[in-house]
Amino acid sequence: MANGTADRQPARRPGGRNARVRTRILDATVELVARDGIAGFRYEEVAECAGVHKTSVYRNWPDREELVVEALLRYAEDLASIADTGDIHRDLVDFLLALAGGLETPFGQTLERALQPGRQSPTIQTLTRILDQRVAAMTRRVETAVERGELPPVDSGFLGEMISGPVHLIVNRGVRRFSREDAERVVGVVLAGIRATAPER
């Protein structure tokens, strides 16, 4: 009976192994895109960098664009998350710190360069739609804050631009890191302005 139980275990391994292989391939893609940029990314180098056979790459991603987009999607999902602790100030501060942390990585810098105006490859067009998730997440959180009375009615897109603009400026200048103090000040000033200029109800 022990042998029968043991014999059944390996049947579940292929799925787990395939998931690990996919993760290694995606991680290698991120590393290569960060090093060479999207335009310089070479599909042929992925297998060597990931330590897997070339057929594993081609089988999972027959198309180069699909591989790059999925790797970028994993990165974008991290940037798109925003918590709901019930404290809009705290949530926006944490959001800005996470955004800055992502943009400060080599991959984040590559992403910023890739999204410059005028670059309209299929990968970039898809990535732009993916990054819209970040705007959607911000919109939902702001709308919830308005419903709870944490904020007066406000254009969530405008609020998002006002608080994220300084992050991109500081990170892209590269003179210093974006700190929690920066995030606290940016969110504090923007929310104070929104509350001060809200029409009386």
C-alpha atoms as a PDB file:
ATOM      1  CA  MET A   1       0.000   0.000   0.000  1.00  0.00           C
ATOM      2  CA  ALA A   2       2.863   2.316   0.771  1.00  0.00           C
ATOM      3  CA  ASN A   3       4.209   1.755  -2.715  1.00  0.00           C
ATOM      4  CA  GLY A   4       0.832   2.548  -4.270  1.00  0.00           C
ATOM      5  CA  THR A   5       0.682   5.836  -2.402  1.00  0.00           C
ATOM      6  CA  ALA A   6       4.224   6.720  -3.348  1.00  0.00           C
ATOM      7  CA  ASP A   7       3.619   5.820  -6.986  1.00  0.00           C
ATOM      8  CA  ARG A   8       0.803   8.337  -7.246  1.00  0.00           C
ATOM      9  CA  GLN A   9       2.846  11.331  -6.028  1.00  0.00           C
ATOM     10  CA  PRO A  10       4.957  12.013  -9.152  1.00  0.00           C
ATOM     11  CA  ALA A  11       1.798  12.432 -11.244  1.00  0.00           C
ATOM     12  CA  ARG A  12       1.382  15.915  -9.748  1.00  0.00           C
ATOM     13  CA  ARG A  13       4.933  17.032 -10.396  1.00  0.00           C
ATOM     14  CA  PRO A  14       4.771  18.023 -14.068  1.00  0.00           C
ATOM     15  CA  GLY A  15       2.352  20.886 -13.345  1.00  0.00           C
ATOM     16  CA  GLY A  16       4.482  22.186 -10.523  1.00  0.00           C
ATOM     17  CA  ARG A  17       7.662  21.803 -12.516  1.00  0.00           C
ATOM     18  CA  ASN A  18       6.139  23.618 -15.472  1.00  0.00           C
ATOM     19  CA  ALA A  19       5.101  26.470 -13.192  1.00  0.00           C
ATOM     20  CA  ARG A  20       8.664  26.743 -11.895  1.00  0.00           C
ATOM     21  CA  VAL A  21      10.053  26.690 -15.427  1.00  0.00           C
ATOM     22  CA  ARG A  22       7.634  29.431 -16.487  1.00  0.00           C
ATOM     23  CA  THR A  23       8.655  31.540 -13.505  1.00  0.00           C
ATOM     24  CA  ARG A  24      12.339  31.133 -14.361  1.00  0.00           C
ATOM     25  CA  ILE A  25      11.662  32.111 -17.967  1.00  0.00           C
ATOM     26  CA  LEU A  26       9.671  35.185 -16.949  1.00  0.00           C
ATOM     27  CA  ASP A  27      12.351  36.200 -14.430  1.00  0.00           C
ATOM     28  CA  ALA A  28      15.007  35.807 -17.135  1.00  0.00           C
ATOM     29  CA  THR A  29      12.924  37.934 -19.490  1.00  0.00           C
ATOM     30  CA  VAL A  30      12.671  40.673 -16.871  1.00  0.00           C
ATOM     31  CA  GLU A  31      16.445  40.541 -16.360  1.00  0.00           C
ATOM     32  CA  LEU A  32      17.176  40.731 -20.085  1.00  0.00           C
ATOM     33  CA  VAL A  33      14.664  43.518 -20.728  1.00  0.00           C
ATOM     34  CA  ALA A  34      16.138  45.486 -17.830  1.00  0.00           C
ATOM     35  CA  ARG A  35      19.626  45.013 -19.282  1.00  0.00           C
ATOM     36  CA  ASP A  36      18.956  45.493 -22.984  1.00  0.00           C
ATOM     37  CA  GLY A  37      15.638  47.315 -23.197  1.00  0.00           C
ATOM     38  CA  ILE A  38      12.558  46.073 -25.004  1.00  0.00           C
ATOM     39  CA  ALA A  39      13.964  46.854 -28.457  1.00  0.00           C
ATOM     40  CA  GLY A  40      17.233  45.060 -27.669  1.00  0.00           C
ATOM     41  CA  PHE A  41      15.627  42.026 -26.065  1.00  0.00           C
ATOM     42  CA  ARG A  42      16.717  38.815 -27.806  1.00  0.00           C
ATOM     43  CA  TYR A  43      14.308  35.911 -27.625  1.00  0.00           C
ATOM     44  CA  GLU A  44      17.167  33.457 -28.182  1.00  0.00           C
ATOM     45  CA  GLU A  45      18.959  34.431 -24.956  1.00  0.00           C
ATOM     46  CA  VAL A  46      16.067  33.630 -22.639  1.00  0.00           C
ATOM     47  CA  ALA A  47      16.642  29.871 -22.381  1.00  0.00           C
ATOM     48  CA  GLU A  48      20.326  30.288 -21.550  1.00  0.00           C
ATOM     49  CA  CYS A  49      19.633  32.979 -18.961  1.00  0.00           C
ATOM     50  CA  ALA A  50      16.821  30.913 -17.386  1.00  0.00           C
ATOM     51  CA  GLY A  51      18.822  27.680 -17.454  1.00  0.00           C
ATOM     52  CA  VAL A  52      16.126  25.825 -19.370  1.00  0.00           C
ATOM     53  CA  HIS A  53      15.863  24.158 -22.768  1.00  0.00           C
ATOM     54  CA  LYS A  54      14.868  26.355 -25.711  1.00  0.00           C
ATOM     55  CA  THR A  55      11.820  24.206 -26.372  1.00  0.00           C
ATOM     56  CA  SER A  56      10.436  25.211 -22.946  1.00  0.00           C
ATOM     57  CA  VAL A  57      10.461  28.832 -24.043  1.00  0.00           C
ATOM     58  CA  TYR A  58       8.971  28.211 -27.477  1.00  0.00           C
ATOM     59  CA  ARG A  59       6.322  25.842 -26.133  1.00  0.00           C
ATOM     60  CA  ASN A  60       5.041  28.314 -23.541  1.00  0.00           C
ATOM     61  CA  TRP A  61       5.496  31.472 -25.614  1.00  0.00           C
ATOM     62  CA  PRO A  62       5.628  30.817 -29.368  1.00  0.00           C
ATOM     63  CA  ASP A  63       5.575  34.577 -29.914  1.00  0.00           C
ATOM     64  CA  ARG A  64       8.276  36.943 -28.616  1.00  0.00           C
ATOM     65  CA  GLU A  65       5.798  39.755 -28.022  1.00  0.00           C
ATOM     66  CA  GLU A  66       3.621  37.555 -25.819  1.00  0.00           C
ATOM     67  CA  LEU A  67       6.582  36.644 -23.619  1.00  0.00           C
ATOM     68  CA  VAL A  68       7.640  40.259 -23.125  1.00  0.00           C
ATOM     69  CA  VAL A  69       4.088  41.379 -22.400  1.00  0.00           C
ATOM     70  CA  GLU A  70       3.534  38.657 -19.783  1.00  0.00           C
ATOM     71  CA  ALA A  71       6.805  39.559 -18.046  1.00  0.00           C
ATOM     72  CA  LEU A  72       5.834  43.231 -18.063  1.00  0.00           C
ATOM     73  CA  LEU A  73       2.370  42.338 -16.808  1.00  0.00           C
ATOM     74  CA  ARG A  74       3.824  40.729 -13.683  1.00  0.00           C
ATOM     75  CA  TYR A  75       5.751  43.907 -13.013  1.00  0.00           C
ATOM     76  CA  ALA A  76       2.794  46.178 -13.749  1.00  0.00           C
ATOM     77  CA  GLU A  77       0.525  44.216 -11.410  1.00  0.00           C
ATOM     78  CA  ASP A  78       2.860  45.019  -8.518  1.00  0.00           C
ATOM     79  CA  LEU A  79       2.654  48.719  -9.361  1.00  0.00           C
ATOM     80  CA  ALA A  80      -1.104  48.613  -9.739  1.00  0.00           C
ATOM     81  CA  SER A  81      -1.937  47.432  -6.236  1.00  0.00           C
ATOM     82  CA  ILE A  82      -3.236  49.849  -3.631  1.00  0.00           C
ATOM     83  CA  ALA A  83      -4.388  48.797  -0.195  1.00  0.00           C
ATOM     84  CA  ASP A  84      -7.603  49.764   1.581  1.00  0.00           C
ATOM     85  CA  THR A  85      -6.860  50.138   5.290  1.00  0.00           C
ATOM     86  CA  GLY A  86      -9.614  52.688   5.823  1.00  0.00           C
ATOM     87  CA  ASP A  87      -7.046  55.507   5.952  1.00  0.00           C
ATOM     88  CA  ILE A  88      -6.766  57.164   2.525  1.00  0.00           C
ATOM     89  CA  HIS A  89      -3.670  59.166   3.502  1.00  0.00           C
ATOM     90  CA  ARG A  90      -1.774  56.084   4.606  1.00  0.00           C
ATOM     91  CA  ASP A  91      -2.885  54.060   1.585  1.00  0.00           C
ATOM     92  CA  LEU A  92      -1.746  56.745  -0.856  1.00  0.00           C
ATOM     93  CA  VAL A  93       1.606  57.120   0.913  1.00  0.00           C
ATOM     94  CA  ASP A  94       2.213  53.373   0.713  1.00  0.00           C
ATOM     95  CA  PHE A  95       1.119  53.396  -2.934  1.00  0.00           C
ATOM     96  CA  LEU A  96       3.654  56.109  -3.795  1.00  0.00           C
ATOM     97  CA  LEU A  97       6.461  54.295  -1.978  1.00  0.00           C
ATOM     98  CA  ALA A  98       5.683  51.073  -3.843  1.00  0.00           C
ATOM     99  CA  LEU A  99       5.527  52.973  -7.124  1.00  0.00           C
ATOM    100  CA  ALA A 100       8.880  54.639  -6.468  1.00  0.00           C
ATOM    101  CA  GLY A 101      10.443  51.338  -5.446  1.00  0.00           C
ATOM    102  CA  GLY A 102       9.352  49.744  -8.702  1.00  0.00           C
ATOM    103  CA  LEU A 103      10.474  52.655 -10.862  1.00  0.00           C
ATOM    104  CA  GLU A 104      13.897  52.727  -9.206  1.00  0.00           C
ATOM    105  CA  THR A 105      14.728  49.192 -10.369  1.00  0.00           C
ATOM    106  CA  PRO A 106      16.588  48.668 -13.665  1.00  0.00           C
ATOM    107  CA  PHE A 107      13.441  47.075 -15.056  1.00  0.00           C
ATOM    108  CA  GLY A 108      11.347  50.036 -13.964  1.00  0.00           C
ATOM    109  CA  GLN A 109      13.734  52.463 -15.636  1.00  0.00           C
ATOM    110  CA  THR A 110      13.570  50.429 -18.833  1.00  0.00           C
ATOM    111  CA  LEU A 111       9.798  50.531 -18.621  1.00  0.00           C
ATOM    112  CA  GLU A 112       9.804  54.306 -18.212  1.00  0.00           C
ATOM    113  CA  ARG A 113      11.996  54.754 -21.285  1.00  0.00           C
ATOM    114  CA  ALA A 114       9.861  52.363 -23.293  1.00  0.00           C
ATOM    115  CA  LEU A 115       6.722  54.357 -22.563  1.00  0.00           C
ATOM    116  CA  GLN A 116       8.094  57.604 -23.948  1.00  0.00           C
ATOM    117  CA  PRO A 117       5.831  59.203 -26.596  1.00  0.00           C
ATOM    118  CA  GLY A 118       6.343  58.028 -30.137  1.00  0.00           C
ATOM    119  CA  ARG A 119       7.026  54.377 -29.356  1.00  0.00           C
ATOM    120  CA  GLN A 120       4.021  52.437 -30.535  1.00  0.00           C
ATOM    121  CA  SER A 121       5.091  48.817 -30.935  1.00  0.00           C
ATOM    122  CA  PRO A 122       2.450  46.149 -30.204  1.00  0.00           C
ATOM    123  CA  THR A 123       4.238  45.397 -26.929  1.00  0.00           C
ATOM    124  CA  ILE A 124       4.080  49.013 -25.804  1.00  0.00           C
ATOM    125  CA  GLN A 125       0.452  49.370 -26.816  1.00  0.00           C
ATOM    126  CA  THR A 126      -0.427  46.304 -24.763  1.00  0.00           C
ATOM    127  CA  LEU A 127       1.683  47.504 -21.856  1.00  0.00           C
ATOM    128  CA  THR A 128      -0.066  50.863 -21.887  1.00  0.00           C
ATOM    129  CA  ARG A 129      -3.391  49.085 -21.487  1.00  0.00           C
ATOM    130  CA  ILE A 130      -1.941  46.988 -18.684  1.00  0.00           C
ATOM    131  CA  LEU A 131      -0.750  50.073 -16.840  1.00  0.00           C
ATOM    132  CA  ASP A 132      -4.270  51.451 -17.065  1.00  0.00           C
ATOM    133  CA  GLN A 133      -4.970  48.946 -14.296  1.00  0.00           C
ATOM    134  CA  ARG A 134      -3.012  51.225 -11.983  1.00  0.00           C
ATOM    135  CA  VAL A 135      -5.326  54.108 -12.819  1.00  0.00           C
ATOM    136  CA  ALA A 136      -8.354  51.870 -12.302  1.00  0.00           C
ATOM    137  CA  ALA A 137      -7.073  50.730  -8.892  1.00  0.00           C
ATOM    138  CA  MET A 138      -6.499  54.324  -7.842  1.00  0.00           C
ATOM    139  CA  THR A 139      -9.962  55.320  -9.079  1.00  0.00           C
ATOM    140  CA  ARG A 140     -11.659  52.572  -7.077  1.00  0.00           C
ATOM    141  CA  ARG A 141      -9.797  53.498  -3.895  1.00  0.00           C
ATOM    142  CA  VAL A 142     -10.588  57.212  -4.247  1.00  0.00           C
ATOM    143  CA  GLU A 143     -14.248  56.514  -4.980  1.00  0.00           C
ATOM    144  CA  THR A 144     -14.413  54.372  -1.851  1.00  0.00           C
ATOM    145  CA  ALA A 145     -12.833  57.198   0.168  1.00  0.00           C
ATOM    146  CA  VAL A 146     -15.449  59.624  -1.156  1.00  0.00           C
ATOM    147  CA  GLU A 147     -18.284  57.241  -0.278  1.00  0.00           C
ATOM    148  CA  ARG A 148     -16.940  56.911   3.270  1.00  0.00           C
ATOM    149  CA  GLY A 149     -16.544  60.654   3.696  1.00  0.00           C
ATOM    150  CA  GLU A 150     -12.741  60.491   3.846  1.00  0.00           C
ATOM    151  CA  LEU A 151     -12.588  62.852   0.875  1.00  0.00           C
ATOM    152  CA  PRO A 152     -14.969  65.304  -0.780  1.00  0.00           C
ATOM    153  CA  PRO A 153     -16.031  64.480  -4.350  1.00  0.00           C
ATOM    154  CA  VAL A 154     -12.915  64.659  -6.516  1.00  0.00           C
ATOM    155  CA  ASP A 155     -11.662  63.736  -9.972  1.00  0.00           C
ATOM    156  CA  SER A 156      -9.697  60.576  -9.164  1.00  0.00           C
ATOM    157  CA  GLY A 157      -7.641  60.828 -12.351  1.00  0.00           C
ATOM    158  CA  PHE A 158      -6.528  64.338 -11.422  1.00  0.00           C
ATOM    159  CA  LEU A 159      -5.669  63.246  -7.882  1.00  0.00           C
ATOM    160  CA  GLY A 160      -3.616  60.361  -9.235  1.00  0.00           C
ATOM    161  CA  GLU A 161      -1.668  62.647 -11.555  1.00  0.00           C
ATOM    162  CA  MET A 162      -1.014  65.141  -8.778  1.00  0.00           C
ATOM    163  CA  ILE A 163       0.433  62.604  -6.351  1.00  0.00           C
ATOM    164  CA  SER A 164       2.319  60.397  -8.829  1.00  0.00           C
ATOM    165  CA  GLY A 165       3.917  63.229 -10.813  1.00  0.00           C
ATOM    166  CA  PRO A 166       6.524  64.059  -8.122  1.00  0.00           C
ATOM    167  CA  VAL A 167       7.466  60.365  -7.865  1.00  0.00           C
ATOM    168  CA  HIS A 168       8.332  60.161 -11.553  1.00  0.00           C
ATOM    169  CA  LEU A 169      10.183  63.495 -11.386  1.00  0.00           C
ATOM    170  CA  ILE A 170      12.379  62.558  -8.437  1.00  0.00           C
ATOM    171  CA  VAL A 171      13.081  59.023  -9.620  1.00  0.00           C
ATOM    172  CA  ASN A 172      13.855  60.028 -13.207  1.00  0.00           C
ATOM    173  CA  ARG A 173      16.211  62.809 -12.118  1.00  0.00           C
ATOM    174  CA  GLY A 174      18.194  60.229 -10.167  1.00  0.00           C
ATOM    175  CA  VAL A 175      19.634  62.773  -7.734  1.00  0.00           C
ATOM    176  CA  ARG A 176      18.150  61.114  -4.658  1.00  0.00           C
ATOM    177  CA  ARG A 177      15.710  58.432  -3.672  1.00  0.00           C
ATOM    178  CA  PHE A 178      12.031  59.075  -3.137  1.00  0.00           C
ATOM    179  CA  SER A 179      11.515  58.779   0.625  1.00  0.00           C
ATOM    180  CA  ARG A 180       8.584  58.212   2.958  1.00  0.00           C
ATOM    181  CA  GLU A 181       8.913  61.850   4.009  1.00  0.00           C
ATOM    182  CA  ASP A 182       8.468  62.852   0.356  1.00  0.00           C
ATOM    183  CA  ALA A 183       5.387  60.654   0.088  1.00  0.00           C
ATOM    184  CA  GLU A 184       3.896  62.042   3.299  1.00  0.00           C
ATOM    185  CA  ARG A 185       4.423  65.623   2.135  1.00  0.00           C
ATOM    186  CA  VAL A 186       3.042  65.047  -1.366  1.00  0.00           C
ATOM    187  CA  VAL A 187      -0.083  63.263  -0.151  1.00  0.00           C
ATOM    188  CA  GLY A 188      -0.596  65.755   2.680  1.00  0.00           C
ATOM    189  CA  VAL A 189      -0.402  68.797   0.400  1.00  0.00           C
ATOM    190  CA  VAL A 190      -2.606  67.310  -2.314  1.00  0.00           C
ATOM    191  CA  LEU A 191      -5.322  66.071   0.060  1.00  0.00           C
ATOM    192  CA  ALA A 192      -5.296  69.366   1.983  1.00  0.00           C
ATOM    193  CA  GLY A 193      -5.741  71.248  -1.283  1.00  0.00           C
ATOM    194  CA  ILE A 194      -8.607  69.018  -2.366  1.00  0.00           C
ATOM    195  CA  ARG A 195     -10.380  69.447   0.960  1.00  0.00           C
ATOM    196  CA  ALA A 196      -9.783  73.209   1.066  1.00  0.00           C
ATOM    197  CA  THR A 197     -11.155  73.805  -2.416  1.00  0.00           C
ATOM    198  CA  ALA A 198     -14.158  71.470  -2.171  1.00  0.00           C
ATOM    199  CA  PRO A 199     -17.492  73.277  -2.557  1.00  0.00           C
ATOM    200  CA  GLU A 200     -19.514  73.543   0.637  1.00  0.00           C
ATOM    201  CA  ARG A 201     -22.348  71.067   0.856  1.00  0.00           C
END
